[in-house]
Amino acid sequence: MPAEVKGDEKLALELDAYAQSLGPLPPKKVPDIMLAAAKERTPVRTGKLRASGIVLEGAVQFTVPYAAPIHWGWRARNISPQPFLTQGIEASQAVWTAAYESELQADLNRINGA
């Protein structure tokens, strides 16, 4: 169904300015939410794995060398998968999705005519 927009030049300029002003995605708080949820699910023997969780350039990472084998498992070493990171991200999805929506809506509210 076609639509016609009246006053489209001003709106187009404002939408372009909005697109140019967008900060990095994901919003800074989103990876922090994911990291906290993953840390809650991280298996703990010494605490080093849990303590190695960081956010770097918007990505959640666990920096100890054995993080991936613990998460994904390693059949040759009889290590069963314990997908703490993916489970944390999935479990916190409602929270970080709301953070995305809130930030984008706040940005959109600043556009006149939208």
C-alpha atoms as a PDB file:
ATOM      1  CA  MET A   1       0.000   0.000   0.000  1.00  0.00           C
ATOM      2  CA  PRO A   2       1.666   3.266  -1.082  1.00  0.00           C
ATOM      3  CA  ALA A   3       1.858   6.188   1.303  1.00  0.00           C
ATOM      4  CA  GLU A   4       2.442   9.884   0.746  1.00  0.00           C
ATOM      5  CA  VAL A   5       4.270  11.958   3.324  1.00  0.00           C
ATOM      6  CA  LYS A   6       3.530  15.682   3.575  1.00  0.00           C
ATOM      7  CA  GLY A   7       6.395  17.855   4.756  1.00  0.00           C
ATOM      8  CA  ASP A   8       8.747  15.092   3.774  1.00  0.00           C
ATOM      9  CA  GLU A   9      11.783  17.315   3.138  1.00  0.00           C
ATOM     10  CA  LYS A  10      12.018  18.467   6.754  1.00  0.00           C
ATOM     11  CA  LEU A  11      11.374  14.989   8.075  1.00  0.00           C
ATOM     12  CA  ALA A  12      13.951  13.515   5.696  1.00  0.00           C
ATOM     13  CA  LEU A  13      16.553  16.010   6.876  1.00  0.00           C
ATOM     14  CA  GLU A  14      15.796  15.267  10.516  1.00  0.00           C
ATOM     15  CA  LEU A  15      15.878  11.511   9.953  1.00  0.00           C
ATOM     16  CA  ASP A  16      19.213  11.882   8.165  1.00  0.00           C
ATOM     17  CA  ALA A  17      20.582  13.930  11.066  1.00  0.00           C
ATOM     18  CA  TYR A  18      19.264  11.274  13.454  1.00  0.00           C
ATOM     19  CA  ALA A  19      20.977   8.490  11.519  1.00  0.00           C
ATOM     20  CA  GLN A  20      24.248  10.447  11.552  1.00  0.00           C
ATOM     21  CA  SER A  21      23.982  11.054  15.298  1.00  0.00           C
ATOM     22  CA  LEU A  22      23.421   7.430  16.279  1.00  0.00           C
ATOM     23  CA  GLY A  23      26.033   6.226  18.679  1.00  0.00           C
ATOM     24  CA  PRO A  24      27.601   2.826  18.595  1.00  0.00           C
ATOM     25  CA  LEU A  25      25.263  -0.121  18.716  1.00  0.00           C
ATOM     26  CA  PRO A  26      24.704  -1.880  20.948  1.00  0.00           C
ATOM     27  CA  PRO A  27      24.150   0.787  23.575  1.00  0.00           C
ATOM     28  CA  LYS A  28      26.875   0.607  26.234  1.00  0.00           C
ATOM     29  CA  LYS A  29      24.598  -0.873  28.873  1.00  0.00           C
ATOM     30  CA  VAL A  30      23.492  -3.829  26.711  1.00  0.00           C
ATOM     31  CA  PRO A  31      26.782  -5.798  26.841  1.00  0.00           C
ATOM     32  CA  ASP A  32      27.014  -5.040  30.565  1.00  0.00           C
ATOM     33  CA  ILE A  33      23.575  -6.623  31.063  1.00  0.00           C
ATOM     34  CA  MET A  34      24.650  -9.669  29.037  1.00  0.00           C
ATOM     35  CA  LEU A  35      27.929  -9.995  30.950  1.00  0.00           C
ATOM     36  CA  ALA A  36      26.213  -9.882  34.337  1.00  0.00           C
ATOM     37  CA  ALA A  37      23.781 -12.611  33.290  1.00  0.00           C
ATOM     38  CA  ALA A  38      26.587 -14.772  31.884  1.00  0.00           C
ATOM     39  CA  LYS A  39      28.677 -14.368  35.036  1.00  0.00           C
ATOM     40  CA  GLU A  40      25.746 -15.643  37.112  1.00  0.00           C
ATOM     41  CA  ARG A  41      25.837 -18.855  35.077  1.00  0.00           C
ATOM     42  CA  THR A  42      29.615 -19.295  34.868  1.00  0.00           C
ATOM     43  CA  PRO A  43      30.859 -22.490  36.492  1.00  0.00           C
ATOM     44  CA  VAL A  44      33.137 -21.750  39.428  1.00  0.00           C
ATOM     45  CA  ARG A  45      36.070 -23.741  40.736  1.00  0.00           C
ATOM     46  CA  THR A  46      38.626 -21.036  41.410  1.00  0.00           C
ATOM     47  CA  GLY A  47      36.624 -18.004  40.229  1.00  0.00           C
ATOM     48  CA  LYS A  48      39.163 -17.119  37.516  1.00  0.00           C
ATOM     49  CA  LEU A  49      36.767 -17.893  34.667  1.00  0.00           C
ATOM     50  CA  ARG A  50      34.025 -15.726  36.144  1.00  0.00           C
ATOM     51  CA  ALA A  51      36.484 -12.924  36.929  1.00  0.00           C
ATOM     52  CA  SER A  52      37.839 -12.957  33.366  1.00  0.00           C
ATOM     53  CA  GLY A  53      34.536 -11.732  31.882  1.00  0.00           C
ATOM     54  CA  ILE A  54      34.857  -8.333  30.234  1.00  0.00           C
ATOM     55  CA  VAL A  55      33.184  -6.090  27.685  1.00  0.00           C
ATOM     56  CA  LEU A  56      35.575  -5.082  24.919  1.00  0.00           C
ATOM     57  CA  GLU A  57      34.419  -2.922  22.003  1.00  0.00           C
ATOM     58  CA  GLY A  58      30.790  -3.822  22.677  1.00  0.00           C
ATOM     59  CA  ALA A  59      31.418  -7.585  22.841  1.00  0.00           C
ATOM     60  CA  VAL A  60      31.222  -9.841  25.878  1.00  0.00           C
ATOM     61  CA  GLN A  61      34.356 -11.935  26.306  1.00  0.00           C
ATOM     62  CA  PHE A  62      35.874 -14.323  28.805  1.00  0.00           C
ATOM     63  CA  THR A  63      39.634 -14.026  28.514  1.00  0.00           C
ATOM     64  CA  VAL A  64      41.077 -17.098  30.222  1.00  0.00           C
ATOM     65  CA  PRO A  65      42.337 -19.641  27.652  1.00  0.00           C
ATOM     66  CA  TYR A  66      39.957 -22.359  28.851  1.00  0.00           C
ATOM     67  CA  ALA A  67      36.776 -20.275  28.525  1.00  0.00           C
ATOM     68  CA  ALA A  68      35.835 -21.661  25.087  1.00  0.00           C
ATOM     69  CA  PRO A  69      36.399 -25.346  25.994  1.00  0.00           C
ATOM     70  CA  ILE A  70      34.304 -24.904  29.141  1.00  0.00           C
ATOM     71  CA  HIS A  71      31.551 -23.111  27.230  1.00  0.00           C
ATOM     72  CA  TRP A  72      31.440 -25.310  24.115  1.00  0.00           C
ATOM     73  CA  GLY A  73      32.867 -28.497  25.592  1.00  0.00           C
ATOM     74  CA  TRP A  74      35.806 -30.594  24.430  1.00  0.00           C
ATOM     75  CA  ARG A  75      34.930 -34.200  23.676  1.00  0.00           C
ATOM     76  CA  ALA A  76      38.565 -35.399  23.485  1.00  0.00           C
ATOM     77  CA  ARG A  77      39.133 -34.150  27.043  1.00  0.00           C
ATOM     78  CA  ASN A  78      35.741 -35.308  28.353  1.00  0.00           C
ATOM     79  CA  ILE A  79      34.634 -31.739  29.008  1.00  0.00           C
ATOM     80  CA  SER A  80      30.866 -31.365  28.655  1.00  0.00           C
ATOM     81  CA  PRO A  81      29.533 -28.089  27.249  1.00  0.00           C
ATOM     82  CA  GLN A  82      28.416 -25.544  29.818  1.00  0.00           C
ATOM     83  CA  PRO A  83      27.107 -22.717  27.601  1.00  0.00           C
ATOM     84  CA  PHE A  84      27.046 -20.060  30.323  1.00  0.00           C
ATOM     85  CA  LEU A  85      27.497 -17.134  27.907  1.00  0.00           C
ATOM     86  CA  THR A  86      24.764 -18.037  25.445  1.00  0.00           C
ATOM     87  CA  GLN A  87      22.413 -18.997  28.269  1.00  0.00           C
ATOM     88  CA  GLY A  88      23.086 -15.672  29.994  1.00  0.00           C
ATOM     89  CA  ILE A  89      22.408 -13.724  26.814  1.00  0.00           C
ATOM     90  CA  GLU A  90      19.196 -15.629  26.191  1.00  0.00           C
ATOM     91  CA  ALA A  91      18.014 -15.309  29.794  1.00  0.00           C
ATOM     92  CA  SER A  92      18.594 -11.549  29.834  1.00  0.00           C
ATOM     93  CA  GLN A  93      17.065 -10.914  26.408  1.00  0.00           C
ATOM     94  CA  ALA A  94      13.972  -9.132  27.724  1.00  0.00           C
ATOM     95  CA  VAL A  95      16.145  -6.727  29.732  1.00  0.00           C
ATOM     96  CA  TRP A  96      18.620  -5.826  26.980  1.00  0.00           C
ATOM     97  CA  THR A  97      15.889  -5.657  24.348  1.00  0.00           C
ATOM     98  CA  ALA A  98      14.083  -3.114  26.534  1.00  0.00           C
ATOM     99  CA  ALA A  99      17.334  -1.138  26.825  1.00  0.00           C
ATOM    100  CA  TYR A 100      17.624  -1.025  23.019  1.00  0.00           C
ATOM    101  CA  GLU A 101      14.008   0.038  22.625  1.00  0.00           C
ATOM    102  CA  SER A 102      14.281   2.705  25.303  1.00  0.00           C
ATOM    103  CA  GLU A 103      17.382   4.264  23.805  1.00  0.00           C
ATOM    104  CA  LEU A 104      16.049   4.221  20.250  1.00  0.00           C
ATOM    105  CA  GLN A 105      12.697   5.648  21.345  1.00  0.00           C
ATOM    106  CA  ALA A 106      14.426   8.464  23.227  1.00  0.00           C
ATOM    107  CA  ASP A 107      16.398   9.271  20.085  1.00  0.00           C
ATOM    108  CA  LEU A 108      13.273   9.163  17.909  1.00  0.00           C
ATOM    109  CA  ASN A 109      11.391  11.437  20.324  1.00  0.00           C
ATOM    110  CA  ARG A 110      13.915  14.174  19.534  1.00  0.00           C
ATOM    111  CA  ILE A 111      12.865  14.215  15.870  1.00  0.00           C
ATOM    112  CA  ASN A 112      10.292  16.873  15.029  1.00  0.00           C
ATOM    113  CA  GLY A 113       7.520  15.609  12.802  1.00  0.00           C
ATOM    114  CA  ALA A 114       8.131  11.933  13.459  1.00  0.00           C
END
